[in-house]
Amino acid sequence: MSYNSNSLNVPEARQAMDAFKMECANEVGVNLKQGYNGDLTSRQAGSVGGQMVKKMIEAYEKSM
């Protein structure tokens, strides 16, 4: 049995998070596809995650 610690607290949010991830990947120039993306380098994957965090922080700061 495999264990994934990246579970969402609200399972219904999966589609929105996937769309957000694709949007961020496009912004940093990473060719992300639906499903398996194990062919990405660590740098590419990190740039997508970093962009996601940056945008979430910006959205939070605007809401304050």
N, C-alpha and C. Protein backbone atom coordinates (compact mmCIF):
# COMPACT_ATOMS: atom_id res chain seq x y z
N MET A 1 0.84 -1.19 0.00
CA MET A 1 0.00 0.00 0.00
C MET A 1 0.88 1.24 0.00
N SER A 2 0.58 2.20 -0.87
CA SER A 2 1.39 3.41 -0.92
C SER A 2 0.71 4.50 -0.10
N TYR A 3 1.52 5.33 0.52
CA TYR A 3 1.03 6.41 1.36
C TYR A 3 1.41 7.74 0.74
N ASN A 4 0.46 8.61 0.53
CA ASN A 4 0.70 9.92 -0.03
C ASN A 4 0.36 10.97 1.01
N SER A 5 1.37 11.69 1.49
CA SER A 5 1.14 12.71 2.50
C SER A 5 0.61 14.02 1.90
N ASN A 6 0.47 14.08 0.57
CA ASN A 6 0.00 15.29 -0.09
C ASN A 6 -1.51 15.28 -0.27
N SER A 7 -2.24 14.78 0.71
CA SER A 7 -3.69 14.72 0.58
C SER A 7 -4.30 16.09 0.86
N LEU A 8 -5.41 16.37 0.19
CA LEU A 8 -6.10 17.63 0.38
C LEU A 8 -7.07 17.50 1.55
N ASN A 9 -7.22 18.57 2.30
CA ASN A 9 -8.18 18.57 3.40
C ASN A 9 -9.61 18.58 2.87
N VAL A 10 -9.81 19.15 1.70
CA VAL A 10 -11.13 19.19 1.06
C VAL A 10 -10.99 18.48 -0.29
N PRO A 11 -11.37 17.20 -0.37
CA PRO A 11 -11.17 16.44 -1.62
C PRO A 11 -11.79 17.08 -2.85
N GLU A 12 -12.86 17.85 -2.67
CA GLU A 12 -13.52 18.50 -3.80
C GLU A 12 -12.63 19.57 -4.43
N ALA A 13 -11.58 19.98 -3.77
CA ALA A 13 -10.70 21.03 -4.27
C ALA A 13 -9.66 20.50 -5.25
N ARG A 14 -9.60 19.20 -5.47
CA ARG A 14 -8.58 18.60 -6.34
C ARG A 14 -8.55 19.25 -7.72
N GLN A 15 -9.71 19.42 -8.34
CA GLN A 15 -9.77 19.97 -9.70
C GLN A 15 -9.26 21.42 -9.72
N ALA A 16 -9.63 22.21 -8.73
CA ALA A 16 -9.16 23.59 -8.67
C ALA A 16 -7.65 23.65 -8.45
N MET A 17 -7.12 22.78 -7.60
CA MET A 17 -5.68 22.76 -7.35
C MET A 17 -4.92 22.32 -8.59
N ASP A 18 -5.46 21.35 -9.33
CA ASP A 18 -4.81 20.91 -10.56
C ASP A 18 -4.77 22.05 -11.59
N ALA A 19 -5.86 22.80 -11.70
CA ALA A 19 -5.90 23.94 -12.63
C ALA A 19 -4.91 25.01 -12.19
N PHE A 20 -4.83 25.26 -10.89
CA PHE A 20 -3.90 26.25 -10.35
C PHE A 20 -2.46 25.83 -10.63
N LYS A 21 -2.18 24.55 -10.47
CA LYS A 21 -0.83 24.03 -10.74
C LYS A 21 -0.47 24.21 -12.21
N MET A 22 -1.41 23.92 -13.11
CA MET A 22 -1.16 24.07 -14.54
C MET A 22 -0.92 25.54 -14.90
N GLU A 23 -1.69 26.43 -14.30
CA GLU A 23 -1.53 27.86 -14.54
C GLU A 23 -0.13 28.33 -14.10
N CYS A 24 0.29 27.89 -12.93
CA CYS A 24 1.61 28.27 -12.42
C CYS A 24 2.73 27.67 -13.27
N ALA A 25 2.55 26.46 -13.72
CA ALA A 25 3.56 25.82 -14.57
C ALA A 25 3.72 26.60 -15.88
N ASN A 26 2.61 27.03 -16.46
CA ASN A 26 2.67 27.83 -17.69
C ASN A 26 3.40 29.15 -17.46
N GLU A 27 3.18 29.76 -16.30
CA GLU A 27 3.80 31.04 -15.98
C GLU A 27 5.32 30.93 -15.88
N VAL A 28 5.83 29.79 -15.40
CA VAL A 28 7.28 29.62 -15.26
C VAL A 28 7.88 28.85 -16.42
N GLY A 29 7.07 28.52 -17.43
CA GLY A 29 7.57 27.88 -18.63
C GLY A 29 7.86 26.39 -18.51
N VAL A 30 7.15 25.71 -17.62
CA VAL A 30 7.32 24.27 -17.46
C VAL A 30 6.17 23.57 -18.17
N ASN A 31 6.51 22.59 -19.01
CA ASN A 31 5.51 21.85 -19.76
C ASN A 31 4.95 20.74 -18.87
N LEU A 32 3.90 21.06 -18.14
CA LEU A 32 3.27 20.11 -17.23
C LEU A 32 2.11 19.45 -17.96
N LYS A 33 1.95 18.15 -17.78
CA LYS A 33 0.84 17.46 -18.42
C LYS A 33 -0.02 16.79 -17.36
N GLN A 34 -1.23 16.42 -17.74
CA GLN A 34 -2.12 15.72 -16.82
C GLN A 34 -1.51 14.36 -16.47
N GLY A 35 -1.64 13.95 -15.25
CA GLY A 35 -1.14 12.64 -14.84
C GLY A 35 0.31 12.68 -14.42
N TYR A 36 1.06 11.68 -14.83
CA TYR A 36 2.44 11.48 -14.40
C TYR A 36 3.39 12.52 -14.99
N ASN A 37 4.19 13.15 -14.13
CA ASN A 37 5.17 14.13 -14.56
C ASN A 37 6.55 13.82 -13.98
N GLY A 38 6.85 12.54 -13.85
CA GLY A 38 8.12 12.11 -13.27
C GLY A 38 9.33 12.43 -14.12
N ASP A 39 9.11 12.88 -15.34
CA ASP A 39 10.22 13.23 -16.21
C ASP A 39 10.71 14.66 -15.98
N LEU A 40 10.06 15.41 -15.09
CA LEU A 40 10.50 16.77 -14.78
C LEU A 40 11.75 16.73 -13.92
N THR A 41 12.60 17.72 -14.09
CA THR A 41 13.76 17.83 -13.21
C THR A 41 13.30 18.39 -11.87
N SER A 42 14.13 18.25 -10.87
CA SER A 42 13.82 18.81 -9.55
C SER A 42 13.68 20.32 -9.64
N ARG A 43 14.49 20.94 -10.45
CA ARG A 43 14.43 22.39 -10.62
C ARG A 43 13.08 22.81 -11.22
N GLN A 44 12.61 22.08 -12.22
CA GLN A 44 11.33 22.40 -12.85
C GLN A 44 10.19 22.22 -11.86
N ALA A 45 10.18 21.09 -11.17
CA ALA A 45 9.12 20.82 -10.20
C ALA A 45 9.14 21.87 -9.08
N GLY A 46 10.32 22.22 -8.64
CA GLY A 46 10.45 23.22 -7.58
C GLY A 46 9.99 24.60 -8.02
N SER A 47 10.23 24.93 -9.29
CA SER A 47 9.80 26.24 -9.77
C SER A 47 8.28 26.33 -9.83
N VAL A 48 7.63 25.22 -10.16
CA VAL A 48 6.16 25.20 -10.17
C VAL A 48 5.64 25.37 -8.74
N GLY A 49 6.17 24.58 -7.82
CA GLY A 49 5.75 24.69 -6.43
C GLY A 49 6.03 26.05 -5.84
N GLY A 50 7.17 26.62 -6.17
CA GLY A 50 7.53 27.95 -5.68
C GLY A 50 6.59 29.01 -6.20
N GLN A 51 6.21 28.90 -7.46
CA GLN A 51 5.28 29.86 -8.05
C GLN A 51 3.90 29.73 -7.39
N MET A 52 3.50 28.51 -7.09
CA MET A 52 2.22 28.30 -6.42
C MET A 52 2.22 28.98 -5.05
N VAL A 53 3.27 28.79 -4.29
CA VAL A 53 3.38 29.40 -2.96
C VAL A 53 3.40 30.92 -3.07
N LYS A 54 4.17 31.43 -4.01
CA LYS A 54 4.25 32.89 -4.21
C LYS A 54 2.87 33.47 -4.47
N LYS A 55 2.10 32.83 -5.35
CA LYS A 55 0.77 33.33 -5.70
C LYS A 55 -0.20 33.21 -4.52
N MET A 56 -0.07 32.14 -3.74
CA MET A 56 -0.95 31.99 -2.57
C MET A 56 -0.65 33.06 -1.53
N ILE A 57 0.62 33.37 -1.32
CA ILE A 57 0.99 34.42 -0.37
C ILE A 57 0.49 35.77 -0.85
N GLU A 58 0.66 36.06 -2.14
CA GLU A 58 0.17 37.33 -2.71
C GLU A 58 -1.34 37.45 -2.52
N ALA A 59 -2.08 36.37 -2.76
CA ALA A 59 -3.53 36.40 -2.62
C ALA A 59 -3.92 36.64 -1.15
N TYR A 60 -3.20 36.01 -0.25
CA TYR A 60 -3.48 36.19 1.18
C TYR A 60 -3.21 37.64 1.60
N GLU A 61 -2.07 38.18 1.15
CA GLU A 61 -1.74 39.55 1.51
C GLU A 61 -2.75 40.56 0.98
N LYS A 62 -3.28 40.29 -0.21
CA LYS A 62 -4.29 41.19 -0.77
C LYS A 62 -5.59 41.12 0.02
N SER A 63 -5.86 39.97 0.63
CA SER A 63 -7.12 39.80 1.36
C SER A 63 -7.06 40.38 2.77
N MET A 64 -5.88 40.78 3.20
CA MET A 64 -5.74 41.30 4.57
C MET A 64 -6.26 42.72 4.69
